[in-house]
Amino acid sequence: MVDEHRSAAEVKDQVSTRAESLCGLANSFLWKYVRTKV
Protein backbone atom coordinates (compact mmCIF):
# COMPACT_ATOMS: atom_id res chain seq x y z
CA MET A 1 0.00 0.00 0.00
CA VAL A 2 1.34 3.40 -1.00
CA ASP A 3 1.60 6.21 1.52
CA GLU A 4 -0.50 8.97 -0.05
CA HIS A 5 1.07 11.77 1.95
CA ARG A 6 4.61 10.80 0.97
CA SER A 7 3.73 10.30 -2.70
CA ALA A 8 2.02 13.69 -2.73
CA ALA A 9 5.17 15.29 -1.33
CA GLU A 10 7.25 13.51 -3.97
CA VAL A 11 4.96 14.74 -6.74
CA LYS A 12 5.15 18.27 -5.33
CA ASP A 13 8.96 18.03 -5.32
CA GLN A 14 8.99 16.81 -8.92
CA VAL A 15 6.65 19.60 -10.02
CA SER A 16 8.69 22.32 -8.31
CA THR A 17 11.92 20.90 -9.76
CA ARG A 18 10.39 20.80 -13.23
CA ALA A 19 9.09 24.34 -12.84
CA GLU A 20 12.55 25.55 -11.79
CA SER A 21 14.22 23.88 -14.77
CA LEU A 22 11.56 25.33 -17.08
CA CYS A 23 12.15 28.81 -15.66
CA GLY A 24 15.89 28.40 -16.13
CA LEU A 25 15.36 27.26 -19.71
CA ALA A 26 13.09 30.23 -20.44
CA ASN A 27 15.58 32.63 -18.85
CA SER A 28 18.52 31.36 -20.89
CA PHE A 29 16.42 31.46 -24.06
CA LEU A 30 15.29 35.00 -23.27
CA TRP A 31 18.88 36.15 -22.62
CA LYS A 32 20.08 34.62 -25.90
CA TYR A 33 17.24 36.38 -27.73
CA VAL A 34 18.00 39.71 -26.07
CA ARG A 35 21.71 39.41 -26.87
CA THR A 36 21.03 38.71 -30.54
CA LYS A 37 18.70 41.72 -30.74
CA VAL A 38 20.96 44.19 -28.95
PDB file of N, CA and C in Angstrom:
ATOM      1  N   MET A   1       0.840  -1.207   0.000  1.00  0.00           N
ATOM      2  CA  MET A   1       0.000   0.000   0.000  1.00  0.00           C
ATOM      3  C   MET A   1       0.878   1.261   0.000  1.00  0.00           C
ATOM      4  N   VAL A   2       0.531   2.190  -0.850  1.00  0.00           N
ATOM      5  CA  VAL A   2       1.344   3.398  -0.995  1.00  0.00           C
ATOM      6  C   VAL A   2       0.912   4.471  -0.002  1.00  0.00           C
ATOM      7  N   ASP A   3       1.894   5.116   0.595  1.00  0.00           N
ATOM      8  CA  ASP A   3       1.600   6.213   1.522  1.00  0.00           C
ATOM      9  C   ASP A   3       1.228   7.450   0.706  1.00  0.00           C
ATOM     10  N   GLU A   4      -0.028   7.859   0.780  1.00  0.00           N
ATOM     11  CA  GLU A   4      -0.503   8.974  -0.053  1.00  0.00           C
ATOM     12  C   GLU A   4       0.222  10.271   0.265  1.00  0.00           C
ATOM     13  N   HIS A   5       0.443  10.514   1.559  1.00  0.00           N
ATOM     14  CA  HIS A   5       1.071  11.774   1.950  1.00  0.00           C
ATOM     15  C   HIS A   5       2.478  11.871   1.369  1.00  0.00           C
ATOM     16  N   ARG A   6       3.237  10.776   1.467  1.00  0.00           N
ATOM     17  CA  ARG A   6       4.609  10.800   0.967  1.00  0.00           C
ATOM     18  C   ARG A   6       4.631  10.962  -0.547  1.00  0.00           C
ATOM     19  N   SER A   7       3.760  10.218  -1.232  1.00  0.00           N
ATOM     20  CA  SER A   7       3.735  10.301  -2.696  1.00  0.00           C
ATOM     21  C   SER A   7       3.339  11.709  -3.136  1.00  0.00           C
ATOM     22  N   ALA A   8       2.428  12.326  -2.400  1.00  0.00           N
ATOM     23  CA  ALA A   8       2.016  13.691  -2.734  1.00  0.00           C
ATOM     24  C   ALA A   8       3.204  14.641  -2.590  1.00  0.00           C
ATOM     25  N   ALA A   9       3.991  14.441  -1.541  1.00  0.00           N
ATOM     26  CA  ALA A   9       5.167  15.286  -1.330  1.00  0.00           C
ATOM     27  C   ALA A   9       6.169  15.069  -2.458  1.00  0.00           C
ATOM     28  N   GLU A  10       6.321  13.812  -2.881  1.00  0.00           N
ATOM     29  CA  GLU A  10       7.252  13.513  -3.969  1.00  0.00           C
ATOM     30  C   GLU A  10       6.795  14.182  -5.255  1.00  0.00           C
ATOM     31  N   VAL A  11       5.500  14.114  -5.528  1.00  0.00           N
ATOM     32  CA  VAL A  11       4.957  14.744  -6.736  1.00  0.00           C
ATOM     33  C   VAL A  11       5.183  16.249  -6.681  1.00  0.00           C
ATOM     34  N   LYS A  12       4.958  16.829  -5.497  1.00  0.00           N
ATOM     35  CA  LYS A  12       5.154  18.270  -5.330  1.00  0.00           C
ATOM     36  C   LYS A  12       6.612  18.634  -5.600  1.00  0.00           C
ATOM     37  N   ASP A  13       7.535  17.797  -5.089  1.00  0.00           N
ATOM     38  CA  ASP A  13       8.960  18.026  -5.324  1.00  0.00           C
ATOM     39  C   ASP A  13       9.269  17.977  -6.811  1.00  0.00           C
ATOM     40  N   GLN A  14       8.732  16.964  -7.492  1.00  0.00           N
ATOM     41  CA  GLN A  14       8.989  16.814  -8.919  1.00  0.00           C
ATOM     42  C   GLN A  14       8.455  18.015  -9.689  1.00  0.00           C
ATOM     43  N   VAL A  15       7.265  18.468  -9.320  1.00  0.00           N
ATOM     44  CA  VAL A  15       6.650  19.601 -10.018  1.00  0.00           C
ATOM     45  C   VAL A  15       7.481  20.868  -9.820  1.00  0.00           C
ATOM     46  N   SER A  16       7.902  21.113  -8.581  1.00  0.00           N
ATOM     47  CA  SER A  16       8.690  22.321  -8.311  1.00  0.00           C
ATOM     48  C   SER A  16      10.032  22.257  -9.029  1.00  0.00           C
ATOM     49  N   THR A  17      10.634  21.060  -9.067  1.00  0.00           N
ATOM     50  CA  THR A  17      11.916  20.904  -9.760  1.00  0.00           C
ATOM     51  C   THR A  17      11.738  21.157 -11.247  1.00  0.00           C
ATOM     52  N   ARG A  18      10.655  20.609 -11.801  1.00  0.00           N
ATOM     53  CA  ARG A  18      10.392  20.795 -13.233  1.00  0.00           C
ATOM     54  C   ARG A  18      10.129  22.265 -13.527  1.00  0.00           C
ATOM     55  N   ALA A  19       9.395  22.925 -12.646  1.00  0.00           N
ATOM     56  CA  ALA A  19       9.094  24.344 -12.839  1.00  0.00           C
ATOM     57  C   ALA A  19      10.385  25.164 -12.811  1.00  0.00           C
ATOM     58  N   GLU A  20      11.287  24.816 -11.884  1.00  0.00           N
ATOM     59  CA  GLU A  20      12.554  25.546 -11.793  1.00  0.00           C
ATOM     60  C   GLU A  20      13.374  25.375 -13.060  1.00  0.00           C
ATOM     61  N   SER A  21      13.438  24.134 -13.556  1.00  0.00           N
ATOM     62  CA  SER A  21      14.224  23.882 -14.771  1.00  0.00           C
ATOM     63  C   SER A  21      13.592  24.595 -15.959  1.00  0.00           C
ATOM     64  N   LEU A  22      12.256  24.633 -15.997  1.00  0.00           N
ATOM     65  CA  LEU A  22      11.563  25.327 -17.085  1.00  0.00           C
ATOM     66  C   LEU A  22      11.861  26.820 -17.032  1.00  0.00           C
ATOM     67  N   CYS A  23      11.851  27.384 -15.821  1.00  0.00           N
ATOM     68  CA  CYS A  23      12.150  28.809 -15.663  1.00  0.00           C
ATOM     69  C   CYS A  23      13.579  29.098 -16.108  1.00  0.00           C
ATOM     70  N   GLY A  24      14.499  28.224 -15.734  1.00  0.00           N
ATOM     71  CA  GLY A  24      15.893  28.405 -16.130  1.00  0.00           C
ATOM     72  C   GLY A  24      16.033  28.349 -17.639  1.00  0.00           C
ATOM     73  N   LEU A  25      15.313  27.412 -18.255  1.00  0.00           N
ATOM     74  CA  LEU A  25      15.357  27.265 -19.706  1.00  0.00           C
ATOM     75  C   LEU A  25      14.826  28.529 -20.377  1.00  0.00           C
ATOM     76  N   ALA A  26      13.697  29.030 -19.878  1.00  0.00           N
ATOM     77  CA  ALA A  26      13.089  30.234 -20.445  1.00  0.00           C
ATOM     78  C   ALA A  26      14.022  31.431 -20.271  1.00  0.00           C
ATOM     79  N   ASN A  27      14.659  31.522 -19.104  1.00  0.00           N
ATOM     80  CA  ASN A  27      15.579  32.634 -18.845  1.00  0.00           C
ATOM     81  C   ASN A  27      16.754  32.621 -19.807  1.00  0.00           C
ATOM     82  N   SER A  28      17.365  31.447 -19.987  1.00  0.00           N
ATOM     83  CA  SER A  28      18.522  31.361 -20.889  1.00  0.00           C
ATOM     84  C   SER A  28      18.099  31.684 -22.320  1.00  0.00           C
ATOM     85  N   PHE A  29      16.924  31.190 -22.721  1.00  0.00           N
ATOM     86  CA  PHE A  29      16.424  31.458 -24.064  1.00  0.00           C
ATOM     87  C   PHE A  29      16.186  32.952 -24.248  1.00  0.00           C
ATOM     88  N   LEU A  30      15.583  33.572 -23.219  1.00  0.00           N
ATOM     89  CA  LEU A  30      15.290  35.002 -23.273  1.00  0.00           C
ATOM     90  C   LEU A  30      16.585  35.807 -23.385  1.00  0.00           C
ATOM     91  N   TRP A  31      17.610  35.427 -22.589  1.00  0.00           N
ATOM     92  CA  TRP A  31      18.877  36.152 -22.625  1.00  0.00           C
ATOM     93  C   TRP A  31      19.541  36.020 -23.981  1.00  0.00           C
ATOM     94  N   LYS A  32      19.493  34.818 -24.564  1.00  0.00           N
ATOM     95  CA  LYS A  32      20.078  34.624 -25.897  1.00  0.00           C
ATOM     96  C   LYS A  32      19.366  35.519 -26.908  1.00  0.00           C
ATOM     97  N   TYR A  33      18.036  35.565 -26.818  1.00  0.00           N
ATOM     98  CA  TYR A  33      17.237  36.379 -27.734  1.00  0.00           C
ATOM     99  C   TYR A  33      17.586  37.854 -27.579  1.00  0.00           C
ATOM    100  N   VAL A  34      17.681  38.304 -26.334  1.00  0.00           N
ATOM    101  CA  VAL A  34      18.000  39.714 -26.066  1.00  0.00           C
ATOM    102  C   VAL A  34      19.382  40.049 -26.615  1.00  0.00           C
ATOM    103  N   ARG A  35      20.344  39.152 -26.410  1.00  0.00           N
ATOM    104  CA  ARG A  35      21.707  39.413 -26.869  1.00  0.00           C
ATOM    105  C   ARG A  35      21.775  39.493 -28.388  1.00  0.00           C
ATOM    106  N   THR A  36      20.994  38.670 -29.080  1.00  0.00           N
ATOM    107  CA  THR A  36      21.029  38.705 -30.539  1.00  0.00           C
ATOM    108  C   THR A  36      20.366  39.978 -31.057  1.00  0.00           C
ATOM    109  N   LYS A  37      19.410  40.520 -30.302  1.00  0.00           N
ATOM    110  CA  LYS A  37      18.696  41.721 -30.736  1.00  0.00           C
ATOM    111  C   LYS A  37      19.485  42.984 -30.438  1.00  0.00           C
ATOM    112  N   VAL A  38      20.226  42.969 -29.341  1.00  0.00           N
ATOM    113  CA  VAL A  38      20.957  44.185 -28.946  1.00  0.00           C
ATOM    114  C   VAL A  38      22.244  44.310 -29.747  1.00  0.00           C
TER     115      VAL A  38
END
